[in-house]
């Protein structure tokens, strides 16, 4: 069984943003990344999409949700500053081929906790960059392995992203 865990795409500068951080949107480059993430995952049999309620996460996952005709369910436990344990409880209850979008603190803590608590094997180097994708596999009630894939390019003239072969 596979789950896809995405760090939100590039957002505007946190220090230049004049408003609550949870309302900070994606940058134009981040919007292009979000479209490319939808292209990367669009061929997969996605059953459910969950996301942090922060605007940058919702906007990252929206193109995929629209493409698949799914509602991106917002869950506070995926929001910045939340403990890995609550995220793991949510992820454990998701069906195969679900997608979750979260933040640069929650994802590393969640992967680390899965390694410590379940013996999750991380294959290859971790990638914590914005827009990076983790494919996390579980068998029955055990998390077994995970692999990080680099974020899609966000340059306007970058070549199209080839589909993720998972």
C-alpha atoms as a PDB file:
ATOM      1  CA  UNK A   1       0.000   0.000   0.000  1.00  0.00           C
ATOM      2  CA  UNK A   2       1.335   3.414  -0.915  1.00  0.00           C
ATOM      3  CA  UNK A   3       0.765   6.915   0.358  1.00  0.00           C
ATOM      4  CA  UNK A   4       2.113  10.086  -1.222  1.00  0.00           C
ATOM      5  CA  UNK A   5       3.317  12.796   1.139  1.00  0.00           C
ATOM      6  CA  UNK A   6       4.038  16.203  -0.407  1.00  0.00           C
ATOM      7  CA  UNK A   7       5.686  19.255   1.072  1.00  0.00           C
ATOM      8  CA  UNK A   8       3.813  22.323  -0.131  1.00  0.00           C
ATOM      9  CA  UNK A   9       5.149  24.092  -3.212  1.00  0.00           C
ATOM     10  CA  UNK A  10       7.095  27.350  -3.111  1.00  0.00           C
ATOM     11  CA  UNK A  11       5.281  30.072  -1.214  1.00  0.00           C
ATOM     12  CA  UNK A  12       5.932  33.763  -0.948  1.00  0.00           C
ATOM     13  CA  UNK A  13       8.636  34.961   1.432  1.00  0.00           C
ATOM     14  CA  UNK A  14       7.526  34.477   5.044  1.00  0.00           C
ATOM     15  CA  UNK A  15       9.226  37.720   6.153  1.00  0.00           C
ATOM     16  CA  UNK A  16       7.773  39.806   3.327  1.00  0.00           C
ATOM     17  CA  UNK A  17       4.232  38.548   3.939  1.00  0.00           C
ATOM     18  CA  UNK A  18       2.040  40.999   5.819  1.00  0.00           C
ATOM     19  CA  UNK A  19      -0.662  38.839   7.323  1.00  0.00           C
ATOM     20  CA  UNK A  20      -1.259  35.622   9.226  1.00  0.00           C
ATOM     21  CA  UNK A  21       1.214  32.974   8.069  1.00  0.00           C
ATOM     22  CA  UNK A  22      -1.520  30.385   7.540  1.00  0.00           C
ATOM     23  CA  UNK A  23      -2.906  32.655   4.770  1.00  0.00           C
ATOM     24  CA  UNK A  24       0.410  33.014   2.897  1.00  0.00           C
ATOM     25  CA  UNK A  25      -0.185  31.854  -0.694  1.00  0.00           C
ATOM     26  CA  UNK A  26       2.002  30.116  -3.222  1.00  0.00           C
ATOM     27  CA  UNK A  27       4.273  32.221  -5.374  1.00  0.00           C
ATOM     28  CA  UNK A  28       3.889  32.098  -9.162  1.00  0.00           C
ATOM     29  CA  UNK A  29       6.690  29.525  -9.218  1.00  0.00           C
ATOM     30  CA  UNK A  30       4.841  27.547  -6.553  1.00  0.00           C
ATOM     31  CA  UNK A  31       1.659  27.606  -8.623  1.00  0.00           C
ATOM     32  CA  UNK A  32       3.599  26.116 -11.546  1.00  0.00           C
ATOM     33  CA  UNK A  33       5.027  23.475  -9.205  1.00  0.00           C
ATOM     34  CA  UNK A  34       1.505  22.606  -8.009  1.00  0.00           C
ATOM     35  CA  UNK A  35       0.379  22.093 -11.610  1.00  0.00           C
ATOM     36  CA  UNK A  36       3.372  19.841 -12.236  1.00  0.00           C
ATOM     37  CA  UNK A  37       2.704  17.844  -9.068  1.00  0.00           C
ATOM     38  CA  UNK A  38      -0.790  17.185 -10.436  1.00  0.00           C
ATOM     39  CA  UNK A  39       0.798  16.004 -13.694  1.00  0.00           C
ATOM     40  CA  UNK A  40       3.209  13.727 -11.810  1.00  0.00           C
ATOM     41  CA  UNK A  41       0.459  12.050  -9.800  1.00  0.00           C
ATOM     42  CA  UNK A  42      -2.446  12.346 -12.231  1.00  0.00           C
ATOM     43  CA  UNK A  43      -2.048   8.828 -13.628  1.00  0.00           C
ATOM     44  CA  UNK A  44      -2.222   7.169 -10.204  1.00  0.00           C
ATOM     45  CA  UNK A  45      -5.452   5.733  -8.733  1.00  0.00           C
ATOM     46  CA  UNK A  46      -5.756   8.423  -6.042  1.00  0.00           C
ATOM     47  CA  UNK A  47      -8.563   7.639  -3.579  1.00  0.00           C
ATOM     48  CA  UNK A  48      -8.317  10.440  -1.037  1.00  0.00           C
ATOM     49  CA  UNK A  49      -6.530  13.776  -0.612  1.00  0.00           C
ATOM     50  CA  UNK A  50      -5.817  15.363   2.769  1.00  0.00           C
ATOM     51  CA  UNK A  51      -3.981  18.581   3.498  1.00  0.00           C
ATOM     52  CA  UNK A  52      -2.942  21.087   6.090  1.00  0.00           C
ATOM     53  CA  UNK A  53      -5.490  23.922   6.187  1.00  0.00           C
ATOM     54  CA  UNK A  54      -2.735  26.477   5.455  1.00  0.00           C
ATOM     55  CA  UNK A  55      -3.402  28.199   2.119  1.00  0.00           C
ATOM     56  CA  UNK A  56      -0.042  27.195   0.637  1.00  0.00           C
ATOM     57  CA  UNK A  57      -0.842  23.499   1.196  1.00  0.00           C
ATOM     58  CA  UNK A  58      -4.424  23.750  -0.032  1.00  0.00           C
ATOM     59  CA  UNK A  59      -3.207  25.566  -3.161  1.00  0.00           C
ATOM     60  CA  UNK A  60      -0.476  22.976  -3.741  1.00  0.00           C
ATOM     61  CA  UNK A  61      -2.931  20.106  -3.804  1.00  0.00           C
ATOM     62  CA  UNK A  62      -5.869  21.882  -5.483  1.00  0.00           C
ATOM     63  CA  UNK A  63      -4.832  21.159  -9.127  1.00  0.00           C
ATOM     64  CA  UNK A  64      -4.609  17.434  -8.362  1.00  0.00           C
ATOM     65  CA  UNK A  65      -7.944  17.453  -6.515  1.00  0.00           C
ATOM     66  CA  UNK A  66      -9.659  19.273  -9.394  1.00  0.00           C
ATOM     67  CA  UNK A  67      -8.096  16.935 -11.948  1.00  0.00           C
ATOM     68  CA  UNK A  68      -9.290  13.870 -10.014  1.00  0.00           C
ATOM     69  CA  UNK A  69     -12.691  15.294  -9.025  1.00  0.00           C
ATOM     70  CA  UNK A  70     -11.866  14.898  -5.321  1.00  0.00           C
ATOM     71  CA  UNK A  71     -12.259  17.209  -2.355  1.00  0.00           C
ATOM     72  CA  UNK A  72      -9.022  18.054  -0.527  1.00  0.00           C
ATOM     73  CA  UNK A  73      -9.932  17.415   3.114  1.00  0.00           C
ATOM     74  CA  UNK A  74      -8.294  19.857   5.531  1.00  0.00           C
ATOM     75  CA  UNK A  75      -6.820  18.390   8.725  1.00  0.00           C
ATOM     76  CA  UNK A  76      -5.263  20.510  11.446  1.00  0.00           C
ATOM     77  CA  UNK A  77      -2.878  17.676  12.413  1.00  0.00           C
ATOM     78  CA  UNK A  78      -0.995  18.303   9.131  1.00  0.00           C
ATOM     79  CA  UNK A  79      -0.551  22.018   9.922  1.00  0.00           C
ATOM     80  CA  UNK A  80       2.801  23.546  10.736  1.00  0.00           C
ATOM     81  CA  UNK A  81       3.817  23.015  14.355  1.00  0.00           C
ATOM     82  CA  UNK A  82       1.841  19.820  14.973  1.00  0.00           C
ATOM     83  CA  UNK A  83       3.354  16.651  16.387  1.00  0.00           C
ATOM     84  CA  UNK A  84       4.256  13.691  14.190  1.00  0.00           C
ATOM     85  CA  UNK A  85       2.072  11.337  16.224  1.00  0.00           C
ATOM     86  CA  UNK A  86      -1.149  13.052  15.202  1.00  0.00           C
ATOM     87  CA  UNK A  87      -0.103  13.071  11.538  1.00  0.00           C
ATOM     88  CA  UNK A  88       0.765   9.367  11.722  1.00  0.00           C
ATOM     89  CA  UNK A  89      -2.659   8.554  13.191  1.00  0.00           C
ATOM     90  CA  UNK A  90      -4.311  10.309  10.238  1.00  0.00           C
ATOM     91  CA  UNK A  91      -2.017   8.686   7.655  1.00  0.00           C
ATOM     92  CA  UNK A  92      -2.555   5.232   9.157  1.00  0.00           C
ATOM     93  CA  UNK A  93      -6.302   5.504   8.561  1.00  0.00           C
ATOM     94  CA  UNK A  94      -6.004   6.531   4.903  1.00  0.00           C
ATOM     95  CA  UNK A  95      -6.674   4.107   2.048  1.00  0.00           C
ATOM     96  CA  UNK A  96      -4.027   3.033  -0.437  1.00  0.00           C
ATOM     97  CA  UNK A  97      -2.963   5.714  -2.941  1.00  0.00           C
ATOM     98  CA  UNK A  98      -3.974   8.648  -0.758  1.00  0.00           C
ATOM     99  CA  UNK A  99      -2.141  11.967  -0.964  1.00  0.00           C
ATOM    100  CA  UNK A 100      -1.276  14.209   1.989  1.00  0.00           C
ATOM    101  CA  UNK A 101       0.200  17.725   1.816  1.00  0.00           C
ATOM    102  CA  UNK A 102       2.014  19.235   4.778  1.00  0.00           C
ATOM    103  CA  UNK A 103       4.970  21.356   5.889  1.00  0.00           C
ATOM    104  CA  UNK A 104       8.741  21.384   6.286  1.00  0.00           C
ATOM    105  CA  UNK A 105       8.577  20.610  10.005  1.00  0.00           C
ATOM    106  CA  UNK A 106       5.796  18.004  10.011  1.00  0.00           C
ATOM    107  CA  UNK A 107       7.118  15.826   7.179  1.00  0.00           C
ATOM    108  CA  UNK A 108      10.679  15.295   8.515  1.00  0.00           C
ATOM    109  CA  UNK A 109       9.332  14.662  12.020  1.00  0.00           C
ATOM    110  CA  UNK A 110       6.782  12.192  10.660  1.00  0.00           C
ATOM    111  CA  UNK A 111       9.355  10.295   8.582  1.00  0.00           C
ATOM    112  CA  UNK A 112      11.715  10.261  11.592  1.00  0.00           C
ATOM    113  CA  UNK A 113       9.004   8.965  13.908  1.00  0.00           C
ATOM    114  CA  UNK A 114       8.048   6.254  11.410  1.00  0.00           C
ATOM    115  CA  UNK A 115      11.693   5.190  11.306  1.00  0.00           C
ATOM    116  CA  UNK A 116      11.975   5.127  15.088  1.00  0.00           C
ATOM    117  CA  UNK A 117       8.605   3.568  15.928  1.00  0.00           C
ATOM    118  CA  UNK A 118       8.089   1.201  12.985  1.00  0.00           C
ATOM    119  CA  UNK A 119      11.551   0.644  11.541  1.00  0.00           C
ATOM    120  CA  UNK A 120      10.673   2.469   8.310  1.00  0.00           C
ATOM    121  CA  UNK A 121      13.528   2.133   5.835  1.00  0.00           C
ATOM    122  CA  UNK A 122      14.332   5.319   3.906  1.00  0.00           C
ATOM    123  CA  UNK A 123      15.720   4.432   0.488  1.00  0.00           C
ATOM    124  CA  UNK A 124      18.072   7.021  -0.953  1.00  0.00           C
ATOM    125  CA  UNK A 125      18.715  10.507   0.358  1.00  0.00           C
ATOM    126  CA  UNK A 126      15.874  12.437   1.998  1.00  0.00           C
ATOM    127  CA  UNK A 127      14.553  15.520   0.230  1.00  0.00           C
ATOM    128  CA  UNK A 128      12.871  18.148   2.384  1.00  0.00           C
ATOM    129  CA  UNK A 129      12.602  20.889  -0.265  1.00  0.00           C
ATOM    130  CA  UNK A 130       9.325  22.588  -1.126  1.00  0.00           C
ATOM    131  CA  UNK A 131       7.376  20.480  -3.589  1.00  0.00           C
ATOM    132  CA  UNK A 132       9.288  17.274  -2.768  1.00  0.00           C
ATOM    133  CA  UNK A 133       7.273  14.064  -2.846  1.00  0.00           C
ATOM    134  CA  UNK A 134       7.638  11.090  -0.512  1.00  0.00           C
ATOM    135  CA  UNK A 135       6.270   7.698  -1.507  1.00  0.00           C
ATOM    136  CA  UNK A 136       5.655   5.861   1.757  1.00  0.00           C
ATOM    137  CA  UNK A 137       4.801   2.163   1.713  1.00  0.00           C
ATOM    138  CA  UNK A 138       3.063   0.153   4.381  1.00  0.00           C
ATOM    139  CA  UNK A 139       2.213  -3.501   4.666  1.00  0.00           C
ATOM    140  CA  UNK A 140      -0.722  -4.368   6.902  1.00  0.00           C
ATOM    141  CA  UNK A 141      -0.134  -2.221  10.017  1.00  0.00           C
ATOM    142  CA  UNK A 142       3.585  -1.631   9.500  1.00  0.00           C
ATOM    143  CA  UNK A 143       5.296   1.200   7.674  1.00  0.00           C
ATOM    144  CA  UNK A 144       8.072  -0.467   5.686  1.00  0.00           C
ATOM    145  CA  UNK A 145       9.870   1.918   3.324  1.00  0.00           C
ATOM    146  CA  UNK A 146       9.903   5.422   1.927  1.00  0.00           C
ATOM    147  CA  UNK A 147      11.624   7.196  -0.929  1.00  0.00           C
ATOM    148  CA  UNK A 148      11.859  10.914  -1.611  1.00  0.00           C
ATOM    149  CA  UNK A 149      11.524  12.342  -5.106  1.00  0.00           C
ATOM    150  CA  UNK A 150      12.776  15.823  -5.975  1.00  0.00           C
ATOM    151  CA  UNK A 151      10.351  18.689  -6.427  1.00  0.00           C
ATOM    152  CA  UNK A 152       9.186  19.367  -9.959  1.00  0.00           C
ATOM    153  CA  UNK A 153      10.859  22.313 -11.659  1.00  0.00           C
ATOM    154  CA  UNK A 154       9.054  25.607 -11.214  1.00  0.00           C
ATOM    155  CA  UNK A 155      10.694  27.522 -14.053  1.00  0.00           C
ATOM    156  CA  UNK A 156       8.242  28.639 -16.717  1.00  0.00           C
ATOM    157  CA  UNK A 157      10.392  27.197 -19.503  1.00  0.00           C
ATOM    158  CA  UNK A 158      11.320  23.918 -17.772  1.00  0.00           C
ATOM    159  CA  UNK A 159      10.498  20.759 -19.701  1.00  0.00           C
ATOM    160  CA  UNK A 160       7.343  18.887 -18.686  1.00  0.00           C
ATOM    161  CA  UNK A 161       7.684  16.505 -15.777  1.00  0.00           C
ATOM    162  CA  UNK A 162       7.573  12.853 -16.738  1.00  0.00           C
ATOM    163  CA  UNK A 163       5.071  10.837 -14.718  1.00  0.00           C
ATOM    164  CA  UNK A 164       6.272   9.343 -11.472  1.00  0.00           C
ATOM    165  CA  UNK A 165       6.811   5.636 -11.963  1.00  0.00           C
ATOM    166  CA  UNK A 166       5.763   4.098  -8.676  1.00  0.00           C
END
